[in-house]
Each structure stands twice: as structure tokens, then as C-alpha cells.
Amino acid sequence: MPIDRWLLKRSAGRYTVFGPFATPLMLLTTTGRRKGEPKTIPLVYYREGSQIFVVGSNYGQANHPAWSGNLLADPSATVATGGKAIPVTATLLAEPERTRIFQAFKDMFST
């Protein structure tokens, strides 16, 4: 939704058109693997303490989302949420943590 992306960018991930009871959204800024330019995308996230998790499912499509390829090429990124932008380093999860986190995402949407 373009207006939500604009609002998320302007507020550094603090506000969304969905209000305070919506799914947690953040802005992920990666470095594009082809041109090296910053790419920002709003994503749903799950948090455990200081760790922030995202799932690169691309809505169940066969191909991965562009942002996940960007992170695989360069794991340095920035996350903006709650009005703060923080530098992060992405890590691809291995089993059994991958399954546990994916289940946490599913649980987040079932409540």
C-alpha cells in the first residue's frame, strides 16, 4: 500500500495506516546487489529480545523476494521501527531455529 510505505518511511517505522493493533511492521533497507543503491521495503517482523526476524516467503511464490537476495549478497542492512533506525547484520537461520521462528510467525497471525 503506497500510503503506508510513505507513512512508515516518514516516521522511521513508528506509524502505519493500520493503527496500533496491526501486525508489527518495519522498514528494511538493504544494498541492491545489481546497482549498489539502497532499497527500502516494509516487512512484517517478529522480535525476541534484541533479535528481529523476517521471513522471505514472497507470499508463497517460487522465487525469493529481491530483498532476501540483497541480504544474501551483503548482510549489512538498516532496520527502522519505533522511530529508530538501527544497523543490523542478517544471518540465515539453520534448523531447528528456522522452524521455531517460522512457527512463531504463524502463531502471531493466528491470534
N, C-alpha and C. Protein backbone atom coordinates (compact mmCIF):
# COMPACT_ATOMS: atom_id res chain seq x y z
N MET A 1 0.84 -1.17 0.00
CA MET A 1 0.00 0.00 0.00
C MET A 1 0.89 1.24 0.00
N PRO A 2 0.88 2.04 -1.06
CA PRO A 2 1.80 3.18 -1.17
C PRO A 2 1.72 4.17 0.00
N ILE A 3 0.52 4.45 0.48
CA ILE A 3 0.40 5.44 1.57
C ILE A 3 1.04 4.90 2.84
N ASP A 4 0.91 3.60 3.08
CA ASP A 4 1.51 3.03 4.27
C ASP A 4 3.03 3.04 4.17
N ARG A 5 3.56 2.73 3.00
CA ARG A 5 5.01 2.78 2.80
C ARG A 5 5.52 4.19 3.05
N TRP A 6 4.81 5.20 2.53
CA TRP A 6 5.19 6.60 2.72
C TRP A 6 5.18 6.95 4.21
N LEU A 7 4.10 6.56 4.91
CA LEU A 7 3.98 6.87 6.33
C LEU A 7 5.06 6.16 7.14
N LEU A 8 5.34 4.92 6.83
CA LEU A 8 6.41 4.20 7.52
C LEU A 8 7.75 4.88 7.32
N LYS A 9 8.03 5.30 6.08
CA LYS A 9 9.30 5.98 5.80
C LYS A 9 9.40 7.31 6.55
N ARG A 10 8.35 8.11 6.48
CA ARG A 10 8.36 9.43 7.12
C ARG A 10 8.50 9.34 8.63
N SER A 11 7.98 8.26 9.23
CA SER A 11 8.02 8.13 10.69
C SER A 11 9.09 7.16 11.17
N ALA A 12 9.97 6.73 10.28
CA ALA A 12 11.04 5.77 10.62
C ALA A 12 10.47 4.52 11.27
N GLY A 13 9.38 4.02 10.70
CA GLY A 13 8.78 2.79 11.18
C GLY A 13 7.90 2.92 12.40
N ARG A 14 7.60 4.15 12.82
CA ARG A 14 6.79 4.36 14.02
C ARG A 14 5.30 4.25 13.75
N TYR A 15 4.84 4.73 12.60
CA TYR A 15 3.40 4.77 12.33
C TYR A 15 3.05 4.00 11.06
N THR A 16 1.87 3.44 11.06
CA THR A 16 1.32 2.73 9.92
C THR A 16 -0.15 3.08 9.79
N VAL A 17 -0.70 2.99 8.60
CA VAL A 17 -2.12 3.30 8.43
C VAL A 17 -3.00 2.26 9.12
N PHE A 18 -2.42 1.13 9.49
CA PHE A 18 -3.20 0.09 10.13
C PHE A 18 -3.42 0.32 11.62
N GLY A 19 -2.79 1.33 12.18
CA GLY A 19 -3.01 1.67 13.57
C GLY A 19 -2.17 0.84 14.53
N PRO A 20 -2.39 1.03 15.85
CA PRO A 20 -1.55 0.40 16.86
C PRO A 20 -1.77 -1.09 17.04
N PHE A 21 -2.85 -1.65 16.50
CA PHE A 21 -3.15 -3.05 16.73
C PHE A 21 -2.80 -3.92 15.53
N ALA A 22 -2.11 -3.35 14.58
CA ALA A 22 -1.77 -4.07 13.36
C ALA A 22 -0.57 -4.98 13.58
N THR A 23 -0.28 -5.76 12.57
CA THR A 23 0.91 -6.59 12.55
C THR A 23 2.14 -5.69 12.65
N PRO A 24 3.16 -6.09 13.41
CA PRO A 24 4.34 -5.24 13.52
C PRO A 24 5.05 -5.10 12.17
N LEU A 25 5.26 -3.86 11.77
CA LEU A 25 5.93 -3.57 10.50
C LEU A 25 7.20 -2.79 10.76
N MET A 26 8.18 -3.03 9.92
CA MET A 26 9.44 -2.29 9.98
C MET A 26 9.86 -1.96 8.56
N LEU A 27 10.81 -1.08 8.46
CA LEU A 27 11.41 -0.77 7.17
C LEU A 27 12.79 -1.40 7.13
N LEU A 28 13.03 -2.22 6.14
CA LEU A 28 14.33 -2.84 5.95
C LEU A 28 15.00 -2.16 4.77
N THR A 29 16.20 -1.64 4.99
CA THR A 29 16.97 -1.03 3.91
C THR A 29 18.19 -1.89 3.66
N THR A 30 18.27 -2.40 2.44
CA THR A 30 19.38 -3.24 2.01
C THR A 30 20.14 -2.51 0.92
N THR A 31 21.26 -3.07 0.52
CA THR A 31 22.01 -2.56 -0.62
C THR A 31 21.67 -3.44 -1.81
N GLY A 32 21.16 -2.82 -2.87
CA GLY A 32 20.81 -3.57 -4.07
C GLY A 32 22.03 -4.29 -4.63
N ARG A 33 21.87 -5.56 -4.95
CA ARG A 33 23.02 -6.35 -5.40
C ARG A 33 23.44 -6.05 -6.82
N ARG A 34 22.59 -5.42 -7.61
CA ARG A 34 22.94 -5.12 -9.01
C ARG A 34 23.56 -3.73 -9.16
N LYS A 35 22.91 -2.72 -8.60
CA LYS A 35 23.38 -1.34 -8.77
C LYS A 35 24.05 -0.76 -7.53
N GLY A 36 23.95 -1.46 -6.40
CA GLY A 36 24.57 -0.97 -5.17
C GLY A 36 23.83 0.17 -4.52
N GLU A 37 22.59 0.42 -4.94
CA GLU A 37 21.79 1.51 -4.37
C GLU A 37 20.95 1.01 -3.20
N PRO A 38 20.63 1.88 -2.24
CA PRO A 38 19.79 1.46 -1.12
C PRO A 38 18.38 1.13 -1.60
N LYS A 39 17.84 0.04 -1.04
CA LYS A 39 16.48 -0.41 -1.35
C LYS A 39 15.75 -0.57 -0.03
N THR A 40 14.58 0.07 0.10
CA THR A 40 13.81 0.02 1.35
C THR A 40 12.47 -0.64 1.09
N ILE A 41 12.11 -1.57 1.98
CA ILE A 41 10.85 -2.30 1.86
C ILE A 41 10.23 -2.46 3.24
N PRO A 42 8.90 -2.27 3.34
CA PRO A 42 8.23 -2.55 4.61
C PRO A 42 8.03 -4.06 4.75
N LEU A 43 8.32 -4.57 5.93
CA LEU A 43 8.18 -6.01 6.19
C LEU A 43 7.56 -6.26 7.54
N VAL A 44 6.82 -7.34 7.64
CA VAL A 44 6.34 -7.83 8.92
C VAL A 44 7.54 -8.46 9.61
N TYR A 45 7.63 -8.28 10.92
CA TYR A 45 8.75 -8.86 11.64
C TYR A 45 8.28 -9.49 12.94
N TYR A 46 9.13 -10.33 13.48
CA TYR A 46 8.91 -10.97 14.78
C TYR A 46 10.15 -10.67 15.60
N ARG A 47 9.93 -10.34 16.87
CA ARG A 47 11.06 -9.94 17.72
C ARG A 47 11.14 -10.83 18.95
N GLU A 48 12.37 -11.20 19.28
CA GLU A 48 12.67 -11.88 20.54
C GLU A 48 13.83 -11.13 21.17
N GLY A 49 13.55 -10.37 22.20
CA GLY A 49 14.60 -9.55 22.83
C GLY A 49 15.15 -8.56 21.83
N SER A 50 16.45 -8.58 21.62
CA SER A 50 17.07 -7.65 20.67
C SER A 50 17.13 -8.22 19.25
N GLN A 51 16.71 -9.46 19.07
CA GLN A 51 16.75 -10.07 17.75
C GLN A 51 15.47 -9.79 16.97
N ILE A 52 15.62 -9.46 15.71
CA ILE A 52 14.50 -9.18 14.81
C ILE A 52 14.55 -10.21 13.70
N PHE A 53 13.40 -10.85 13.45
CA PHE A 53 13.33 -11.91 12.44
C PHE A 53 12.35 -11.52 11.33
N VAL A 54 12.71 -11.86 10.11
CA VAL A 54 11.83 -11.69 8.96
C VAL A 54 11.83 -13.01 8.18
N VAL A 55 10.76 -13.21 7.41
CA VAL A 55 10.64 -14.42 6.61
C VAL A 55 10.58 -14.02 5.14
N GLY A 56 11.45 -14.59 4.34
CA GLY A 56 11.50 -14.29 2.90
C GLY A 56 10.64 -15.25 2.11
N SER A 57 9.34 -15.24 2.34
CA SER A 57 8.45 -16.21 1.69
C SER A 57 7.95 -15.74 0.33
N ASN A 58 7.97 -14.43 0.08
CA ASN A 58 7.46 -13.85 -1.17
C ASN A 58 6.04 -14.31 -1.45
N TYR A 59 5.23 -14.35 -0.40
CA TYR A 59 3.81 -14.71 -0.49
C TYR A 59 3.62 -16.09 -1.11
N GLY A 60 4.54 -17.02 -0.84
CA GLY A 60 4.42 -18.38 -1.32
C GLY A 60 4.83 -18.60 -2.76
N GLN A 61 5.38 -17.60 -3.41
CA GLN A 61 5.83 -17.75 -4.79
C GLN A 61 7.11 -18.60 -4.85
N ALA A 62 7.41 -19.12 -6.02
CA ALA A 62 8.58 -19.98 -6.20
C ALA A 62 9.90 -19.22 -6.06
N ASN A 63 9.92 -17.95 -6.47
CA ASN A 63 11.15 -17.16 -6.38
C ASN A 63 11.23 -16.40 -5.06
N HIS A 64 12.44 -16.16 -4.63
CA HIS A 64 12.66 -15.43 -3.38
C HIS A 64 12.44 -13.94 -3.63
N PRO A 65 12.07 -13.18 -2.58
CA PRO A 65 11.94 -11.73 -2.75
C PRO A 65 13.31 -11.09 -2.99
N ALA A 66 13.31 -9.97 -3.70
CA ALA A 66 14.57 -9.29 -4.03
C ALA A 66 15.35 -8.91 -2.78
N TRP A 67 14.68 -8.47 -1.73
CA TRP A 67 15.39 -8.05 -0.53
C TRP A 67 16.18 -9.19 0.09
N SER A 68 15.68 -10.44 0.00
CA SER A 68 16.43 -11.54 0.60
C SER A 68 17.70 -11.82 -0.20
N GLY A 69 17.62 -11.69 -1.52
CA GLY A 69 18.83 -11.82 -2.34
C GLY A 69 19.84 -10.74 -2.04
N ASN A 70 19.34 -9.53 -1.78
CA ASN A 70 20.24 -8.43 -1.40
C ASN A 70 20.96 -8.75 -0.09
N LEU A 71 20.23 -9.32 0.88
CA LEU A 71 20.85 -9.66 2.16
C LEU A 71 21.85 -10.81 2.03
N LEU A 72 21.55 -11.75 1.15
CA LEU A 72 22.50 -12.85 0.94
C LEU A 72 23.80 -12.33 0.32
N ALA A 73 23.68 -11.33 -0.56
CA ALA A 73 24.86 -10.73 -1.20
C ALA A 73 25.62 -9.82 -0.24
N ASP A 74 24.90 -9.09 0.60
CA ASP A 74 25.51 -8.17 1.57
C ASP A 74 24.62 -8.14 2.81
N PRO A 75 25.00 -8.85 3.87
CA PRO A 75 24.14 -8.95 5.05
C PRO A 75 24.01 -7.68 5.89
N SER A 76 24.76 -6.64 5.57
CA SER A 76 24.63 -5.38 6.31
C SER A 76 23.38 -4.65 5.84
N ALA A 77 22.58 -4.19 6.79
CA ALA A 77 21.32 -3.52 6.46
C ALA A 77 20.96 -2.56 7.59
N THR A 78 19.84 -1.88 7.40
CA THR A 78 19.29 -1.00 8.44
C THR A 78 17.82 -1.35 8.63
N VAL A 79 17.41 -1.36 9.88
CA VAL A 79 16.02 -1.62 10.23
C VAL A 79 15.47 -0.38 10.93
N ALA A 80 14.32 0.10 10.48
CA ALA A 80 13.66 1.24 11.13
C ALA A 80 12.33 0.76 11.70
N THR A 81 12.19 0.92 12.99
CA THR A 81 10.95 0.59 13.68
C THR A 81 10.88 1.40 14.96
N GLY A 82 9.68 1.78 15.34
CA GLY A 82 9.53 2.55 16.56
C GLY A 82 10.21 3.90 16.53
N GLY A 83 10.41 4.45 15.33
CA GLY A 83 11.03 5.76 15.19
C GLY A 83 12.55 5.75 15.24
N LYS A 84 13.14 4.56 15.30
CA LYS A 84 14.60 4.47 15.36
C LYS A 84 15.11 3.60 14.22
N ALA A 85 16.20 4.01 13.62
CA ALA A 85 16.87 3.22 12.60
C ALA A 85 18.14 2.64 13.21
N ILE A 86 18.31 1.33 13.08
CA ILE A 86 19.47 0.67 13.67
C ILE A 86 20.18 -0.18 12.61
N PRO A 87 21.49 -0.20 12.64
CA PRO A 87 22.22 -1.07 11.73
C PRO A 87 22.10 -2.52 12.20
N VAL A 88 21.96 -3.44 11.26
CA VAL A 88 21.85 -4.86 11.58
C VAL A 88 22.72 -5.66 10.62
N THR A 89 23.00 -6.88 11.01
CA THR A 89 23.68 -7.84 10.14
C THR A 89 22.80 -9.07 10.05
N ALA A 90 22.36 -9.39 8.86
CA ALA A 90 21.46 -10.52 8.66
C ALA A 90 22.20 -11.84 8.77
N THR A 91 21.49 -12.83 9.30
CA THR A 91 22.01 -14.18 9.42
C THR A 91 20.94 -15.14 8.95
N LEU A 92 21.28 -16.03 8.06
CA LEU A 92 20.36 -17.05 7.59
C LEU A 92 20.25 -18.11 8.67
N LEU A 93 19.02 -18.39 9.11
CA LEU A 93 18.83 -19.35 10.20
C LEU A 93 18.99 -20.79 9.73
N ALA A 94 19.51 -21.61 10.62
CA ALA A 94 19.63 -23.05 10.38
C ALA A 94 18.59 -23.76 11.25
N GLU A 95 18.36 -25.00 10.95
CA GLU A 95 17.46 -25.81 11.77
C GLU A 95 18.13 -26.10 13.11
N PRO A 96 17.38 -26.23 14.18
CA PRO A 96 15.93 -26.19 14.30
C PRO A 96 15.37 -24.79 14.51
N GLU A 97 16.25 -23.77 14.62
CA GLU A 97 15.78 -22.41 14.88
C GLU A 97 14.90 -21.89 13.75
N ARG A 98 15.20 -22.24 12.52
CA ARG A 98 14.40 -21.79 11.37
C ARG A 98 12.94 -22.22 11.53
N THR A 99 12.72 -23.48 11.87
CA THR A 99 11.36 -23.99 12.05
C THR A 99 10.68 -23.32 13.23
N ARG A 100 11.42 -23.11 14.32
CA ARG A 100 10.84 -22.47 15.52
C ARG A 100 10.39 -21.05 15.22
N ILE A 101 11.21 -20.28 14.52
CA ILE A 101 10.87 -18.90 14.21
C ILE A 101 9.71 -18.85 13.21
N PHE A 102 9.71 -19.73 12.22
CA PHE A 102 8.60 -19.75 11.27
C PHE A 102 7.29 -20.07 12.00
N GLN A 103 7.33 -20.97 12.97
CA GLN A 103 6.14 -21.27 13.76
C GLN A 103 5.71 -20.05 14.57
N ALA A 104 6.65 -19.29 15.10
CA ALA A 104 6.32 -18.07 15.84
C ALA A 104 5.60 -17.07 14.94
N PHE A 105 6.03 -16.96 13.67
CA PHE A 105 5.32 -16.10 12.71
C PHE A 105 3.90 -16.59 12.51
N LYS A 106 3.74 -17.88 12.31
CA LYS A 106 2.40 -18.44 12.10
C LYS A 106 1.52 -18.19 13.32
N ASP A 107 2.08 -18.37 14.51
CA ASP A 107 1.33 -18.12 15.75
C ASP A 107 0.92 -16.67 15.88
N MET A 108 1.79 -15.77 15.43
CA MET A 108 1.50 -14.34 15.51
C MET A 108 0.25 -13.99 14.68
N PHE A 109 0.05 -14.68 13.58
CA PHE A 109 -1.11 -14.39 12.73
C PHE A 109 -2.35 -15.16 13.13
N SER A 110 -2.21 -16.15 13.97
CA SER A 110 -3.39 -16.95 14.37
C SER A 110 -4.07 -16.40 15.60
N THR A 111 -3.47 -15.38 16.26
CA THR A 111 -4.08 -14.82 17.46
C THR A 111 -4.93 -13.64 17.16
